[in-house]
Amino acid sequence: MKTKARLKRALLRARYAAVGAAVGAALGGLVGRSPASTGGATGALLGAVIAEKRFDASGIVDEVRSED
């Protein structure tokens, strides 16, 4: 994998993880301080997983298009 592609992938995962952490912490913060921390961590993990799945799916589409 090229350096530019690796950097793009890492930044995409980081952006989705940050958004996931913010949403999770906000939802957990409605309950209390401890659930806010847990929600932030869980949201970050889910955001990174979603980014990974999205990145993989777009990579497959690009590969198919380039073969035509």
Protein backbone atom coordinates (compact mmCIF):
# COMPACT_ATOMS: atom_id res chain seq x y z
CA MET A 1 0.00 0.00 0.00
CA LYS A 2 1.36 3.41 -0.94
CA THR A 3 2.22 6.00 1.68
CA LYS A 4 -0.41 8.46 0.50
CA ALA A 5 -3.12 5.80 0.64
CA ARG A 6 -2.01 4.72 4.12
CA LEU A 7 -2.09 8.30 5.35
CA LYS A 8 -5.53 8.88 3.85
CA ARG A 9 -6.81 5.70 5.49
CA ALA A 10 -5.41 6.69 8.90
CA LEU A 11 -6.89 10.18 8.71
CA LEU A 12 -10.28 8.80 7.68
CA ARG A 13 -10.30 6.40 10.63
CA ALA A 14 -9.23 9.18 12.99
CA ARG A 15 -11.97 11.52 11.78
CA TYR A 16 -14.69 8.90 12.16
CA ALA A 17 -13.32 7.84 15.55
CA ALA A 18 -13.39 11.45 16.76
CA VAL A 19 -16.98 11.94 15.64
CA GLY A 20 -17.97 8.60 17.18
CA ALA A 21 -16.29 9.54 20.46
CA ALA A 22 -18.09 12.88 20.57
CA VAL A 23 -21.48 11.33 19.91
CA GLY A 24 -20.89 8.51 22.39
CA ALA A 25 -19.70 10.89 25.10
CA ALA A 26 -22.66 13.19 24.53
CA LEU A 27 -25.13 10.34 24.84
CA GLY A 28 -23.37 8.91 27.88
CA GLY A 29 -23.14 12.38 29.41
CA LEU A 30 -26.91 12.48 29.61
CA VAL A 31 -26.64 9.76 32.26
CA GLY A 32 -23.48 10.74 34.14
CA ARG A 33 -19.72 11.20 34.10
CA SER A 34 -18.71 7.54 34.02
CA PRO A 35 -21.12 6.59 31.22
CA ALA A 36 -19.81 9.58 29.25
CA SER A 37 -16.30 8.14 29.38
CA THR A 38 -17.50 4.67 28.41
CA GLY A 39 -19.68 6.10 25.64
CA GLY A 40 -16.78 8.09 24.27
CA ALA A 41 -14.53 5.04 24.12
CA THR A 42 -17.23 2.87 22.59
CA GLY A 43 -18.14 5.57 20.08
CA ALA A 44 -14.52 5.95 19.01
CA LEU A 45 -14.22 2.22 18.45
CA LEU A 46 -17.42 2.08 16.44
CA GLY A 47 -16.41 5.12 14.42
CA ALA A 48 -13.09 3.53 13.51
CA VAL A 49 -14.82 0.29 12.49
CA ILE A 50 -17.29 2.18 10.30
CA ALA A 51 -14.45 4.10 8.67
CA GLU A 52 -12.56 0.90 7.97
CA LYS A 53 -15.60 -0.71 6.36
CA ARG A 54 -16.33 2.40 4.30
CA PHE A 55 -12.73 2.70 3.16
CA ASP A 56 -12.60 -0.96 2.13
CA ALA A 57 -15.84 -0.71 0.17
CA SER A 58 -14.72 2.35 -1.79
CA GLY A 59 -11.37 0.71 -2.50
CA ILE A 60 -13.10 -2.29 -4.02
CA VAL A 61 -15.23 -0.07 -6.24
CA ASP A 62 -12.16 1.85 -7.43
CA GLU A 63 -10.34 -1.38 -8.22
CA VAL A 64 -13.27 -2.69 -10.28
CA ARG A 65 -13.55 0.61 -12.19
CA SER A 66 -9.82 0.66 -12.96
CA GLU A 67 -9.96 -2.85 -14.45
CA ASP A 68 -12.56 -1.81 -17.05
